N, C-alpha and C. Protein backbone atom coordinates (compact mmCIF):
# COMPACT_ATOMS: atom_id res chain seq x y z
N UNK A 1 5.10 -38.30 9.19
CA UNK A 1 3.87 -38.54 8.59
C UNK A 1 4.19 -40.50 8.17
N UNK A 2 5.56 -40.70 8.49
CA UNK A 2 5.93 -42.55 8.07
C UNK A 2 5.17 -42.93 9.41
N UNK A 3 5.43 -42.17 10.45
CA UNK A 3 4.93 -43.35 11.92
C UNK A 3 3.45 -43.06 11.53
N UNK A 4 2.49 -41.80 11.38
CA UNK A 4 1.35 -41.77 11.92
C UNK A 4 0.55 -42.36 10.63
N UNK A 5 1.40 -42.53 9.22
CA UNK A 5 0.36 -42.54 8.14
C UNK A 5 -0.07 -41.46 7.58
N UNK A 6 -0.31 -40.27 8.00
CA UNK A 6 -0.97 -39.19 7.75
C UNK A 6 -0.59 -38.59 6.09
N UNK A 7 -1.38 -38.23 5.60
CA UNK A 7 -1.31 -37.64 4.08
C UNK A 7 -0.78 -36.24 4.09
N UNK A 8 -1.64 -35.41 5.34
CA UNK A 8 -0.95 -33.95 4.90
C UNK A 8 -0.50 -33.57 6.40
N UNK A 9 0.27 -32.49 6.49
CA UNK A 9 0.18 -31.94 7.65
C UNK A 9 -0.40 -30.32 7.46
N UNK A 10 -0.98 -29.69 8.49
CA UNK A 10 -1.84 -28.58 8.83
C UNK A 10 -0.73 -27.62 9.33
N UNK A 11 -0.78 -26.59 8.70
CA UNK A 11 0.22 -25.36 9.14
C UNK A 11 -0.42 -24.11 9.69
N UNK A 12 -0.40 -23.70 10.52
CA UNK A 12 -1.28 -22.76 10.84
C UNK A 12 -0.26 -21.27 11.22
N UNK A 13 -0.94 -20.88 12.68
CA UNK A 13 -0.12 -19.91 13.28
C UNK A 13 1.67 -19.85 12.99
N UNK A 14 2.17 -21.07 13.10
CA UNK A 14 3.34 -21.01 12.67
C UNK A 14 3.94 -20.50 11.83
N UNK A 15 3.65 -20.05 10.82
CA UNK A 15 4.12 -19.66 9.56
C UNK A 15 4.20 -18.05 9.75
N UNK A 16 3.22 -17.16 10.72
CA UNK A 16 3.50 -15.96 11.38
C UNK A 16 4.72 -15.83 11.56
N UNK A 17 5.40 -14.66 10.69
CA UNK A 17 6.63 -14.02 11.03
C UNK A 17 7.81 -15.49 10.88
N UNK A 18 7.34 -16.36 9.84
CA UNK A 18 8.38 -17.45 9.64
C UNK A 18 7.88 -18.15 8.28
N UNK A 19 7.64 -17.25 7.17
CA UNK A 19 7.58 -17.65 5.87
C UNK A 19 8.82 -18.84 5.51
N UNK A 20 9.85 -18.98 6.35
CA UNK A 20 10.79 -19.90 5.83
C UNK A 20 9.95 -21.46 5.94
N UNK A 21 9.33 -21.55 7.01
CA UNK A 21 9.07 -22.80 7.51
C UNK A 21 8.47 -24.32 6.05
N UNK A 22 7.79 -23.35 5.03
CA UNK A 22 7.41 -24.34 4.03
C UNK A 22 8.62 -24.81 3.39
N UNK A 23 9.70 -24.12 3.28
CA UNK A 23 10.98 -24.33 2.53
C UNK A 23 11.42 -25.42 3.47
N UNK A 24 11.43 -25.42 4.89
CA UNK A 24 12.31 -25.89 5.96
C UNK A 24 11.77 -27.30 5.83
N UNK A 25 10.24 -27.33 5.91
CA UNK A 25 9.49 -28.81 5.98
C UNK A 25 9.83 -29.23 4.56
N UNK A 26 9.84 -28.79 3.35
CA UNK A 26 10.41 -29.64 2.31
C UNK A 26 11.57 -30.19 2.19
N UNK A 27 12.56 -29.31 2.73
CA UNK A 27 13.61 -29.55 2.59
C UNK A 27 14.05 -30.86 3.73
N UNK A 28 13.18 -30.97 4.92
CA UNK A 28 13.31 -32.03 5.91
C UNK A 28 12.27 -33.36 4.96
N UNK A 29 11.45 -32.95 4.66
CA UNK A 29 10.93 -34.30 3.74
C UNK A 29 11.85 -34.78 2.67
N UNK A 30 12.63 -34.01 1.84
CA UNK A 30 13.44 -34.68 0.87
C UNK A 30 14.67 -35.07 1.44
N UNK A 31 15.14 -34.42 2.64
CA UNK A 31 16.69 -35.28 2.97
C UNK A 31 16.74 -34.81 4.55
N UNK A 32 16.44 -35.50 5.52
CA UNK A 32 15.96 -35.31 7.03
C UNK A 32 17.34 -35.26 7.50
N UNK A 33 18.47 -35.64 6.75
CA UNK A 33 19.63 -35.86 7.73
C UNK A 33 20.44 -34.37 7.15
N UNK A 34 19.98 -33.65 6.39
CA UNK A 34 20.18 -32.39 6.00
C UNK A 34 20.00 -31.27 7.04
N UNK A 35 20.91 -30.21 7.48
CA UNK A 35 20.33 -29.53 8.15
C UNK A 35 19.60 -28.14 7.65
N UNK A 36 18.46 -27.85 8.48
CA UNK A 36 17.78 -26.94 7.97
C UNK A 36 18.13 -25.19 8.23
N UNK A 37 17.64 -23.99 7.21
CA UNK A 37 18.37 -23.18 6.83
C UNK A 37 17.36 -22.36 8.20
N UNK A 38 18.30 -21.55 8.58
CA UNK A 38 17.62 -20.58 9.52
C UNK A 38 18.13 -19.16 9.39
N UNK A 39 17.01 -18.45 8.70
CA UNK A 39 17.86 -17.19 8.57
C UNK A 39 18.34 -16.31 9.56
N UNK A 40 18.96 -15.55 9.38
CA UNK A 40 19.76 -14.37 10.35
C UNK A 40 18.88 -13.31 10.52
N UNK A 41 18.83 -12.65 11.74
CA UNK A 41 17.83 -11.53 12.41
C UNK A 41 17.45 -10.94 11.00
N UNK A 42 18.55 -10.12 10.78
CA UNK A 42 18.67 -9.02 9.48
C UNK A 42 17.72 -9.71 8.17
N UNK A 43 18.02 -10.67 8.10
CA UNK A 43 17.18 -11.25 6.70
C UNK A 43 15.71 -11.42 7.35
N UNK A 44 15.37 -12.02 8.63
CA UNK A 44 14.04 -12.03 8.91
C UNK A 44 13.62 -10.66 9.07
N UNK A 45 13.95 -9.40 9.34
CA UNK A 45 13.55 -8.39 9.42
C UNK A 45 13.65 -7.88 8.55
N UNK A 46 14.52 -7.98 7.53
CA UNK A 46 14.00 -7.26 6.10
C UNK A 46 13.08 -7.91 5.31
N UNK A 47 12.99 -9.22 5.42
CA UNK A 47 11.55 -9.96 4.84
C UNK A 47 10.28 -9.53 5.42
N UNK A 48 10.29 -8.96 6.50
CA UNK A 48 9.00 -8.22 7.48
C UNK A 48 8.68 -6.88 6.91
N UNK A 49 9.94 -6.35 6.74
CA UNK A 49 9.64 -4.90 6.01
C UNK A 49 9.02 -5.01 4.57
N UNK A 50 9.89 -5.99 3.83
CA UNK A 50 9.16 -6.22 2.52
C UNK A 50 7.45 -6.70 2.43
N UNK A 51 7.20 -7.48 3.54
CA UNK A 51 6.09 -8.07 3.77
C UNK A 51 5.07 -6.73 4.03
N UNK A 52 5.28 -6.44 5.14
CA UNK A 52 4.37 -5.18 5.40
C UNK A 52 4.25 -4.12 4.63
N UNK A 53 5.36 -3.55 3.92
CA UNK A 53 5.29 -2.47 2.66
C UNK A 53 4.40 -2.85 1.62
N UNK A 54 4.28 -4.26 1.08
CA UNK A 54 3.58 -4.58 0.06
C UNK A 54 1.84 -4.39 0.70
N UNK A 55 1.66 -4.92 1.69
CA UNK A 55 0.70 -4.75 2.49
C UNK A 55 -0.08 -3.17 2.59
N UNK A 56 1.02 -1.92 2.95
CA UNK A 56 1.07 -1.05 2.65
C UNK A 56 0.35 -0.33 1.60
N UNK A 57 1.10 -0.77 0.43
CA UNK A 57 0.95 -0.61 -0.82
C UNK A 57 -0.67 -0.91 -1.33
N UNK A 58 -1.07 -2.15 -0.72
CA UNK A 58 -2.31 -2.75 -1.10
C UNK A 58 -2.84 -1.95 -0.53
N UNK A 59 -3.06 -1.75 0.97
CA UNK A 59 -4.22 -1.41 2.00
C UNK A 59 -4.05 -0.18 2.45
N UNK A 60 -3.11 0.59 2.02
CA UNK A 60 -2.79 2.17 2.85
C UNK A 60 -2.46 1.77 4.09
N UNK A 61 -1.61 2.93 4.59
CA UNK A 61 -0.84 2.89 5.84
C UNK A 61 -1.60 2.05 7.05
N UNK A 62 -2.52 2.86 7.26
CA UNK A 62 -3.38 3.18 8.34
C UNK A 62 -3.63 0.91 8.82
N UNK A 63 -4.72 0.99 7.41
CA UNK A 63 -5.29 -0.42 7.77
C UNK A 63 -3.92 -1.46 7.58
N UNK A 64 -2.90 -1.27 6.92
CA UNK A 64 -1.84 -2.15 7.07
C UNK A 64 -1.44 -2.64 8.05
N UNK A 65 -0.83 -1.18 8.66
CA UNK A 65 -0.38 -1.30 10.02
C UNK A 65 -1.35 -2.09 10.98
N UNK A 66 -2.50 -1.81 11.18
CA UNK A 66 -3.07 -2.03 12.29
C UNK A 66 -2.85 -3.88 11.93
N UNK A 67 -3.15 -4.30 10.96
CA UNK A 67 -3.16 -5.85 10.49
C UNK A 67 -1.52 -6.11 10.71
N UNK A 68 -0.62 -5.61 10.69
CA UNK A 68 0.64 -6.20 10.79
C UNK A 68 1.46 -6.16 11.82
N UNK A 69 0.46 -5.16 12.99
CA UNK A 69 0.98 -5.42 14.57
C UNK A 69 1.20 -7.03 14.97
N UNK A 70 -0.20 -7.88 14.63
CA UNK A 70 -0.01 -9.24 14.69
C UNK A 70 1.01 -10.09 13.95
N UNK A 71 1.24 -9.54 12.87
CA UNK A 71 2.39 -10.26 11.92
C UNK A 71 3.87 -9.94 12.32
N UNK A 72 4.14 -8.50 12.80
CA UNK A 72 5.08 -8.25 13.66
C UNK A 72 5.69 -9.25 14.66
N UNK A 73 4.97 -9.32 15.49
CA UNK A 73 5.27 -9.96 16.75
C UNK A 73 5.79 -11.33 16.59
N UNK A 74 5.33 -11.79 15.23
CA UNK A 74 6.04 -13.60 14.92
C UNK A 74 7.42 -13.27 14.18
N UNK A 75 7.41 -11.94 13.76
CA UNK A 75 8.94 -12.13 13.34
C UNK A 75 9.97 -11.71 14.46
N UNK A 76 9.78 -11.67 15.52
CA UNK A 76 10.67 -11.35 16.81
C UNK A 76 10.15 -12.42 17.64
N UNK A 77 9.84 -13.46 17.18
CA UNK A 77 9.90 -14.61 18.02
C UNK A 77 11.27 -15.49 18.41
N UNK A 78 11.69 -15.53 19.37
CA UNK A 78 12.83 -16.37 19.63
C UNK A 78 14.01 -15.55 19.86
N UNK A 79 13.81 -14.24 19.77
CA UNK A 79 15.08 -13.17 19.83
C UNK A 79 15.15 -12.72 21.17
N UNK A 80 16.52 -11.90 21.61
CA UNK A 80 16.77 -11.64 22.60
C UNK A 80 15.63 -10.28 22.79
N UNK A 81 15.18 -10.20 23.79
CA UNK A 81 14.03 -8.52 24.05
C UNK A 81 12.61 -8.75 23.64
N UNK A 82 12.47 -10.14 22.89
CA UNK A 82 11.21 -10.36 22.13
C UNK A 82 9.76 -9.92 22.87
N UNK A 83 9.82 -9.82 23.99
CA UNK A 83 8.50 -9.56 24.37
C UNK A 83 8.60 -8.03 24.73
N UNK A 84 9.38 -7.27 24.90
CA UNK A 84 9.78 -5.89 24.75
C UNK A 84 9.29 -5.22 23.43
N UNK A 85 9.87 -6.09 22.43
CA UNK A 85 9.40 -5.72 20.73
C UNK A 85 7.96 -6.12 20.66
N UNK A 86 7.50 -7.38 21.07
CA UNK A 86 5.86 -7.19 20.63
C UNK A 86 5.10 -6.33 21.13
N UNK A 87 5.67 -5.98 23.04
CA UNK A 87 4.90 -4.97 23.38
C UNK A 87 4.86 -3.83 22.39
N UNK A 88 5.97 -3.15 22.07
CA UNK A 88 5.97 -2.04 21.14
C UNK A 88 5.53 -2.42 20.06
N UNK A 89 5.49 -3.32 19.36
CA UNK A 89 4.83 -3.60 17.97
C UNK A 89 3.50 -3.52 17.91
N UNK A 90 2.51 -3.58 18.97
CA UNK A 90 1.20 -3.32 19.35
C UNK A 90 0.84 -1.94 19.24
N UNK A 91 1.99 -1.48 19.22
CA UNK A 91 1.55 0.64 18.89
C UNK A 91 1.70 0.56 18.08
N UNK A 92 2.56 0.24 16.84
CA UNK A 92 2.84 0.80 15.53
C UNK A 92 1.71 1.22 14.65
N UNK A 93 2.12 2.68 14.46
CA UNK A 93 0.96 3.37 13.93
C UNK A 93 1.64 3.76 12.33
N UNK A 94 2.77 3.99 12.13
CA UNK A 94 3.25 4.67 10.76
C UNK A 94 4.40 3.46 10.19
N UNK A 95 4.80 3.93 9.02
CA UNK A 95 6.05 2.86 8.60
C UNK A 95 7.55 3.50 9.68
N UNK A 96 7.19 4.87 9.84
CA UNK A 96 8.47 4.98 10.78
C UNK A 96 8.61 4.38 11.87
N UNK A 97 7.30 4.07 12.61
CA UNK A 97 7.17 3.59 13.72
C UNK A 97 8.03 1.96 13.44
N UNK A 98 7.64 1.35 12.35
CA UNK A 98 8.10 -0.20 11.86
C UNK A 98 9.85 -0.31 12.12
N UNK A 99 9.98 0.55 10.89
CA UNK A 99 11.30 0.78 10.63
C UNK A 99 12.50 1.33 12.04
N UNK A 100 11.88 1.71 12.96
CA UNK A 100 12.34 2.31 14.39
C UNK A 100 12.40 0.87 15.04
N UNK A 101 11.26 -0.06 14.79
CA UNK A 101 10.96 -0.65 16.07
C UNK A 101 12.11 -1.97 15.19
N UNK A 102 12.58 -2.11 14.02
CA UNK A 102 13.30 -2.70 13.39
C UNK A 102 14.82 -2.26 13.70
N UNK A 103 15.15 -1.13 14.08
CA UNK A 103 16.27 -0.69 14.66
C UNK A 103 16.53 -1.21 15.73
N UNK A 104 15.40 -1.24 16.70
CA UNK A 104 15.60 -1.66 17.90
C UNK A 104 15.68 -3.07 17.89
N UNK A 105 15.06 -3.85 17.02
CA UNK A 105 15.62 -5.22 17.09
C UNK A 105 17.04 -5.70 16.83
N UNK A 106 17.84 -5.02 15.89
CA UNK A 106 18.81 -5.40 15.54
C UNK A 106 19.66 -5.00 16.36
N UNK A 107 19.75 -3.71 17.28
CA UNK A 107 20.58 -3.27 18.05
C UNK A 107 20.17 -4.45 19.51
N UNK A 108 19.33 -5.07 19.70
CA UNK A 108 19.06 -5.81 20.68
C UNK A 108 19.52 -7.29 20.55
N UNK A 109 19.25 -7.78 19.13
CA UNK A 109 19.57 -8.84 18.85
C UNK A 109 21.05 -9.15 18.64
């Protein structure tokens, strides 16, 4: 922002599966020398479950899990076995599938 003189930064798909991005950006803007916080895999997946369970409450399991398939892939970005997990995420249809996928991700990570 200092180099270009821009007033705003647009953030889009980078937030999918990474709700910490906003805090990281704010932290960097306040103090660029301070190390950024990156959550552990278990914390990421706990937030994923919280996020999708809220969707299920609001929209119902069927609709929420259809929409969650894309969101889930973002939470797996950068972890070991992510391609396989993303492939399986495209087939989740129940919350039990989601919890099983979380367990598989933890065992791989």
